[in-house]
């Protein structure tokens, strides 16, 4: 069995569960355990980007998707980033709207609720 020990300095692979975990470490053996683990979206993104041979993911790609004329649905952003749906919604409301001050507009279209970054009106 593979046990992944997620710590502050990265991920360690083990064949057996550890006798004890250090403070801040989490041990997971399945996808379900990983999804249930108390990891923030930011920490998951950092862990993903630390894995060898993966394409790094950043919020800039989400902004680019939302600036396209066709915009993006939550599911499209999930597919592009590998994030969970609640993480995508959190990035929309927390990072893009509150921290970066972007205006996110949404409309229900044939493919579902589509989100776009609304351009400021010209004065």
N, C-alpha and C. Protein backbone atom coordinates (compact mmCIF):
# COMPACT_ATOMS: atom_id res chain seq x y z
N UNK A 1 0.84 -1.17 0.00
CA UNK A 1 0.00 0.00 0.00
C UNK A 1 0.89 1.24 0.00
N UNK A 2 0.46 2.27 -0.71
CA UNK A 2 1.20 3.53 -0.73
C UNK A 2 0.55 4.51 0.23
N UNK A 3 1.37 5.08 1.07
CA UNK A 3 0.93 6.11 2.01
C UNK A 3 1.70 7.38 1.67
N UNK A 4 0.98 8.45 1.44
CA UNK A 4 1.62 9.74 1.17
C UNK A 4 1.55 10.57 2.45
N UNK A 5 2.72 11.02 2.89
CA UNK A 5 2.79 11.85 4.08
C UNK A 5 3.04 13.28 3.61
N UNK A 6 2.06 14.13 3.85
CA UNK A 6 2.12 15.51 3.41
C UNK A 6 2.56 16.35 4.60
N UNK A 7 3.70 16.97 4.45
CA UNK A 7 4.25 17.80 5.52
C UNK A 7 4.51 19.21 5.03
N UNK A 8 5.06 20.03 5.87
CA UNK A 8 5.33 21.42 5.51
C UNK A 8 6.41 21.54 4.44
N UNK A 9 7.26 20.52 4.31
CA UNK A 9 8.34 20.59 3.34
C UNK A 9 8.10 19.74 2.10
N UNK A 10 6.88 19.23 1.90
CA UNK A 10 6.57 18.47 0.71
C UNK A 10 5.86 17.17 1.00
N UNK A 11 6.01 16.22 0.07
CA UNK A 11 5.31 14.94 0.15
C UNK A 11 6.35 13.82 0.19
N UNK A 12 6.13 12.85 1.09
CA UNK A 12 6.99 11.68 1.20
C UNK A 12 6.13 10.44 0.94
N UNK A 13 6.64 9.54 0.13
CA UNK A 13 5.95 8.29 -0.16
C UNK A 13 6.48 7.20 0.76
N UNK A 14 5.56 6.43 1.35
CA UNK A 14 5.94 5.35 2.26
C UNK A 14 5.11 4.12 1.92
N UNK A 15 5.65 2.94 2.18
CA UNK A 15 4.90 1.71 1.94
C UNK A 15 4.02 1.33 3.13
N UNK A 16 4.36 1.87 4.29
CA UNK A 16 3.61 1.60 5.51
C UNK A 16 3.27 2.91 6.19
N UNK A 17 2.19 2.90 6.94
CA UNK A 17 1.82 4.08 7.70
C UNK A 17 2.86 4.40 8.74
N UNK A 18 3.10 5.67 9.01
CA UNK A 18 4.10 6.03 10.01
C UNK A 18 3.62 5.68 11.41
N UNK A 19 4.57 5.40 12.28
CA UNK A 19 4.23 5.12 13.68
C UNK A 19 3.60 6.34 14.32
N UNK A 20 4.09 7.52 13.95
CA UNK A 20 3.55 8.78 14.47
C UNK A 20 3.79 9.86 13.43
N UNK A 21 2.90 10.82 13.40
CA UNK A 21 3.05 11.96 12.50
C UNK A 21 3.59 13.15 13.27
N UNK A 22 4.43 13.92 12.61
CA UNK A 22 4.91 15.16 13.21
C UNK A 22 3.79 16.21 13.13
N UNK A 23 3.92 17.26 13.90
CA UNK A 23 2.92 18.32 13.89
C UNK A 23 2.81 18.91 12.49
N UNK A 24 1.58 19.05 12.01
CA UNK A 24 1.34 19.62 10.69
C UNK A 24 1.35 18.62 9.55
N UNK A 25 1.70 17.35 9.83
CA UNK A 25 1.72 16.33 8.78
C UNK A 25 0.36 15.64 8.68
N UNK A 26 0.07 15.18 7.47
CA UNK A 26 -1.16 14.44 7.19
C UNK A 26 -0.77 13.21 6.38
N UNK A 27 -1.34 12.05 6.70
CA UNK A 27 -1.08 10.84 5.93
C UNK A 27 -2.35 10.47 5.17
N UNK A 28 -2.19 10.23 3.86
CA UNK A 28 -3.33 9.83 3.04
C UNK A 28 -2.94 8.62 2.19
N UNK A 29 -3.91 7.72 1.99
CA UNK A 29 -3.66 6.53 1.20
C UNK A 29 -4.60 6.42 0.01
N UNK A 30 -5.55 7.34 -0.10
CA UNK A 30 -6.51 7.27 -1.21
C UNK A 30 -6.93 8.67 -1.63
N UNK A 31 -7.54 8.73 -2.78
CA UNK A 31 -8.07 9.99 -3.29
C UNK A 31 -9.12 10.55 -2.34
N UNK A 32 -9.94 9.68 -1.77
CA UNK A 32 -10.98 10.11 -0.83
C UNK A 32 -10.37 10.74 0.41
N UNK A 33 -9.30 10.12 0.92
CA UNK A 33 -8.63 10.68 2.10
C UNK A 33 -7.99 12.03 1.78
N UNK A 34 -7.46 12.16 0.57
CA UNK A 34 -6.86 13.43 0.18
C UNK A 34 -7.92 14.53 0.13
N UNK A 35 -9.07 14.21 -0.46
CA UNK A 35 -10.15 15.21 -0.55
C UNK A 35 -10.70 15.57 0.82
N UNK A 36 -10.65 14.64 1.76
CA UNK A 36 -11.17 14.90 3.11
C UNK A 36 -10.13 15.59 4.01
N UNK A 37 -8.88 15.63 3.57
CA UNK A 37 -7.81 16.21 4.38
C UNK A 37 -8.01 17.72 4.53
N UNK A 38 -7.65 18.26 5.68
CA UNK A 38 -7.82 19.69 5.92
C UNK A 38 -6.70 20.52 5.28
N UNK A 39 -6.67 20.54 3.96
CA UNK A 39 -5.66 21.29 3.23
C UNK A 39 -6.32 22.47 2.52
N UNK A 40 -5.71 23.62 2.60
CA UNK A 40 -6.25 24.79 1.91
C UNK A 40 -5.98 24.66 0.41
N UNK A 41 -6.73 25.39 -0.38
CA UNK A 41 -6.50 25.39 -1.82
C UNK A 41 -5.09 25.85 -2.16
N UNK A 42 -4.60 26.83 -1.40
CA UNK A 42 -3.25 27.34 -1.63
C UNK A 42 -2.20 26.25 -1.37
N UNK A 43 -2.39 25.47 -0.31
CA UNK A 43 -1.43 24.41 0.02
C UNK A 43 -1.51 23.28 -1.01
N UNK A 44 -2.74 22.93 -1.43
CA UNK A 44 -2.88 21.91 -2.46
C UNK A 44 -2.20 22.33 -3.76
N UNK A 45 -2.37 23.60 -4.13
CA UNK A 45 -1.73 24.10 -5.34
C UNK A 45 -0.21 24.03 -5.22
N UNK A 46 0.33 24.42 -4.07
CA UNK A 46 1.78 24.36 -3.87
C UNK A 46 2.28 22.92 -3.93
N UNK A 47 1.53 21.99 -3.34
CA UNK A 47 1.92 20.57 -3.38
C UNK A 47 1.88 20.05 -4.81
N UNK A 48 0.83 20.37 -5.53
CA UNK A 48 0.71 19.94 -6.93
C UNK A 48 1.90 20.46 -7.73
N UNK A 49 2.20 21.74 -7.60
CA UNK A 49 3.29 22.35 -8.36
C UNK A 49 4.65 21.79 -7.97
N UNK A 50 4.77 21.17 -6.79
CA UNK A 50 6.04 20.58 -6.35
C UNK A 50 6.25 19.18 -6.90
N UNK A 51 5.20 18.56 -7.44
CA UNK A 51 5.35 17.20 -7.97
C UNK A 51 6.18 17.21 -9.24
N UNK A 52 7.05 16.22 -9.43
CA UNK A 52 7.88 16.19 -10.63
C UNK A 52 7.05 15.84 -11.86
N UNK A 53 7.33 16.53 -12.95
CA UNK A 53 6.72 16.21 -14.24
C UNK A 53 5.29 16.70 -14.44
N UNK A 54 4.77 17.56 -13.56
CA UNK A 54 3.42 18.08 -13.76
C UNK A 54 3.49 19.49 -14.33
N UNK A 55 2.44 19.87 -15.03
CA UNK A 55 2.33 21.23 -15.52
C UNK A 55 1.88 22.11 -14.35
N UNK A 56 2.66 23.12 -14.03
CA UNK A 56 2.30 23.97 -12.90
C UNK A 56 1.03 24.74 -13.20
N UNK A 57 0.28 24.99 -12.16
CA UNK A 57 -1.00 25.68 -12.28
C UNK A 57 -0.95 26.98 -11.50
N UNK A 58 -1.57 28.02 -12.06
CA UNK A 58 -1.58 29.31 -11.38
C UNK A 58 -2.94 29.97 -11.59
N UNK A 59 -3.21 30.95 -10.75
CA UNK A 59 -4.46 31.70 -10.85
C UNK A 59 -4.52 32.52 -12.13
N UNK A 60 -3.34 32.87 -12.68
CA UNK A 60 -3.32 33.68 -13.91
C UNK A 60 -4.09 33.00 -15.03
N UNK A 61 -4.02 31.66 -15.07
CA UNK A 61 -4.76 30.93 -16.09
C UNK A 61 -6.26 31.09 -15.92
N UNK A 62 -6.71 31.16 -14.69
CA UNK A 62 -8.13 31.36 -14.41
C UNK A 62 -8.56 32.74 -14.89
N UNK A 63 -7.74 33.74 -14.62
CA UNK A 63 -8.06 35.09 -15.07
C UNK A 63 -8.14 35.13 -16.59
N UNK A 64 -7.22 34.47 -17.27
CA UNK A 64 -7.25 34.43 -18.74
C UNK A 64 -8.53 33.76 -19.24
N UNK A 65 -8.95 32.69 -18.57
CA UNK A 65 -10.19 32.01 -18.98
C UNK A 65 -11.38 32.94 -18.83
N UNK A 66 -11.41 33.71 -17.76
CA UNK A 66 -12.55 34.59 -17.50
C UNK A 66 -12.53 35.83 -18.38
N UNK A 67 -11.40 36.15 -18.95
CA UNK A 67 -11.31 37.32 -19.86
C UNK A 67 -11.68 36.96 -21.30
N UNK A 68 -11.76 35.68 -21.61
CA UNK A 68 -12.17 35.28 -22.96
C UNK A 68 -13.60 35.73 -23.21
N UNK A 69 -13.94 35.95 -24.45
CA UNK A 69 -15.30 36.38 -24.79
C UNK A 69 -16.33 35.35 -24.33
N UNK A 70 -15.97 34.07 -24.43
CA UNK A 70 -16.92 33.02 -24.03
C UNK A 70 -16.95 32.78 -22.53
N UNK A 71 -16.01 33.40 -21.76
CA UNK A 71 -15.98 33.22 -20.32
C UNK A 71 -15.69 31.78 -19.95
N UNK A 72 -16.09 31.37 -18.75
CA UNK A 72 -15.84 30.00 -18.29
C UNK A 72 -16.86 29.62 -17.23
N UNK A 73 -17.20 28.35 -17.20
CA UNK A 73 -18.05 27.82 -16.14
C UNK A 73 -17.15 27.32 -15.01
N UNK A 74 -17.73 27.08 -13.86
CA UNK A 74 -16.96 26.53 -12.74
C UNK A 74 -16.36 25.19 -13.14
N UNK A 75 -17.14 24.35 -13.83
CA UNK A 75 -16.64 23.04 -14.24
C UNK A 75 -15.47 23.14 -15.21
N UNK A 76 -15.48 24.13 -16.09
CA UNK A 76 -14.36 24.32 -17.02
C UNK A 76 -13.09 24.72 -16.27
N UNK A 77 -13.24 25.58 -15.26
CA UNK A 77 -12.08 25.97 -14.45
C UNK A 77 -11.58 24.78 -13.64
N UNK A 78 -12.51 23.97 -13.11
CA UNK A 78 -12.13 22.76 -12.39
C UNK A 78 -11.29 21.85 -13.29
N UNK A 79 -11.75 21.66 -14.53
CA UNK A 79 -11.02 20.80 -15.48
C UNK A 79 -9.64 21.35 -15.81
N UNK A 80 -9.54 22.66 -15.93
CA UNK A 80 -8.26 23.27 -16.30
C UNK A 80 -7.27 23.32 -15.15
N UNK A 81 -7.76 23.44 -13.92
CA UNK A 81 -6.85 23.62 -12.78
C UNK A 81 -6.68 22.38 -11.92
N UNK A 82 -7.68 21.49 -11.92
CA UNK A 82 -7.64 20.35 -11.02
C UNK A 82 -8.15 20.68 -9.63
N UNK A 83 -8.62 21.91 -9.43
CA UNK A 83 -9.15 22.32 -8.14
C UNK A 83 -10.55 21.76 -7.94
N UNK A 84 -11.01 21.77 -6.71
CA UNK A 84 -12.39 21.38 -6.41
C UNK A 84 -13.31 22.58 -6.69
N UNK A 85 -14.60 22.29 -6.88
CA UNK A 85 -15.57 23.34 -7.22
C UNK A 85 -15.59 24.45 -6.16
N UNK A 86 -15.56 24.08 -4.89
CA UNK A 86 -15.63 25.11 -3.85
C UNK A 86 -14.37 25.98 -3.85
N UNK A 87 -13.24 25.42 -4.26
CA UNK A 87 -12.01 26.20 -4.35
C UNK A 87 -12.12 27.23 -5.47
N UNK A 88 -12.69 26.82 -6.60
CA UNK A 88 -12.87 27.73 -7.73
C UNK A 88 -13.78 28.89 -7.32
N UNK A 89 -14.89 28.57 -6.68
CA UNK A 89 -15.81 29.63 -6.24
C UNK A 89 -15.12 30.55 -5.23
N UNK A 90 -14.28 29.98 -4.36
CA UNK A 90 -13.53 30.79 -3.41
C UNK A 90 -12.54 31.72 -4.09
N UNK A 91 -11.88 31.23 -5.14
CA UNK A 91 -10.95 32.08 -5.89
C UNK A 91 -11.72 33.22 -6.55
N UNK A 92 -12.90 32.92 -7.11
CA UNK A 92 -13.72 33.96 -7.74
C UNK A 92 -14.05 35.05 -6.73
N UNK A 93 -14.60 34.66 -5.58
CA UNK A 93 -15.08 35.66 -4.63
C UNK A 93 -13.98 36.25 -3.76
N UNK A 94 -13.05 35.42 -3.30
CA UNK A 94 -12.02 35.91 -2.39
C UNK A 94 -10.85 36.57 -3.09
N UNK A 95 -10.21 35.86 -3.99
CA UNK A 95 -9.00 36.39 -4.61
C UNK A 95 -9.31 37.40 -5.70
N UNK A 96 -10.16 37.02 -6.64
CA UNK A 96 -10.39 37.90 -7.79
C UNK A 96 -11.22 39.12 -7.43
N UNK A 97 -12.31 38.92 -6.69
CA UNK A 97 -13.18 40.05 -6.36
C UNK A 97 -12.63 40.89 -5.21
N UNK A 98 -12.36 40.25 -4.08
CA UNK A 98 -11.98 41.00 -2.88
C UNK A 98 -10.53 41.47 -2.91
N UNK A 99 -9.60 40.57 -3.23
CA UNK A 99 -8.18 40.94 -3.18
C UNK A 99 -7.73 41.73 -4.40
N UNK A 100 -8.17 41.31 -5.59
CA UNK A 100 -7.72 41.98 -6.81
C UNK A 100 -8.69 43.07 -7.29
N UNK A 101 -9.89 43.11 -6.73
CA UNK A 101 -10.86 44.14 -7.09
C UNK A 101 -11.48 43.99 -8.46
N UNK A 102 -11.43 42.79 -9.03
CA UNK A 102 -12.03 42.56 -10.34
C UNK A 102 -13.54 42.37 -10.20
N UNK A 103 -14.26 42.78 -11.22
CA UNK A 103 -15.71 42.59 -11.23
C UNK A 103 -16.01 41.31 -12.00
N UNK A 104 -16.63 40.37 -11.34
CA UNK A 104 -16.98 39.10 -11.97
C UNK A 104 -18.47 39.14 -12.28
N UNK A 105 -18.80 39.01 -13.56
CA UNK A 105 -20.20 38.98 -13.99
C UNK A 105 -20.55 37.54 -14.33
N UNK A 106 -21.80 37.17 -14.10
CA UNK A 106 -22.23 35.82 -14.46
C UNK A 106 -23.58 35.87 -15.13
N UNK A 107 -23.82 34.89 -15.98
CA UNK A 107 -25.10 34.77 -16.67
C UNK A 107 -25.36 33.31 -16.94
N UNK A 108 -26.64 32.94 -16.91
CA UNK A 108 -27.00 31.56 -17.23
C UNK A 108 -27.12 31.44 -18.74
N UNK A 109 -26.36 30.53 -19.29
CA UNK A 109 -26.36 30.29 -20.74
C UNK A 109 -26.64 28.82 -20.98
N UNK A 110 -26.62 28.43 -22.23
CA UNK A 110 -26.94 27.05 -22.59
C UNK A 110 -26.03 26.05 -21.89
N UNK A 111 -24.76 26.38 -21.72
CA UNK A 111 -23.82 25.44 -21.08
C UNK A 111 -23.79 25.57 -19.57
N UNK A 112 -24.64 26.41 -18.99
CA UNK A 112 -24.71 26.59 -17.55
C UNK A 112 -24.37 28.01 -17.16
N UNK A 113 -24.07 28.24 -15.87
CA UNK A 113 -23.70 29.58 -15.40
C UNK A 113 -22.29 29.86 -15.87
N UNK A 114 -22.15 30.96 -16.63
CA UNK A 114 -20.87 31.34 -17.22
C UNK A 114 -20.38 32.62 -16.54
N UNK A 115 -19.11 32.61 -16.14
CA UNK A 115 -18.51 33.74 -15.44
C UNK A 115 -17.53 34.45 -16.37
N UNK A 116 -17.50 35.78 -16.26
CA UNK A 116 -16.58 36.60 -17.04
C UNK A 116 -16.07 37.73 -16.16
N UNK A 117 -14.87 38.20 -16.48
CA UNK A 117 -14.39 39.42 -15.83
C UNK A 117 -14.99 40.58 -16.62
N UNK A 118 -15.77 41.39 -15.94
CA UNK A 118 -16.42 42.53 -16.59
C UNK A 118 -15.40 43.66 -16.69
N UNK A 119 -15.25 44.18 -17.89
CA UNK A 119 -14.34 45.31 -18.10
C UNK A 119 -14.97 46.57 -17.57
N UNK A 120 -14.19 47.46 -16.95
CA UNK A 120 -14.75 48.70 -16.43
C UNK A 120 -15.32 49.55 -17.57
N UNK A 121 -16.41 50.24 -17.29
CA UNK A 121 -17.04 51.09 -18.29
C UNK A 121 -16.14 52.26 -18.64
N UNK A 122 -16.09 52.63 -19.92
CA UNK A 122 -15.27 53.77 -20.35
C UNK A 122 -15.93 55.05 -19.90
N UNK A 123 -15.11 55.99 -19.47
CA UNK A 123 -15.66 57.26 -18.98
C UNK A 123 -15.71 58.28 -20.09
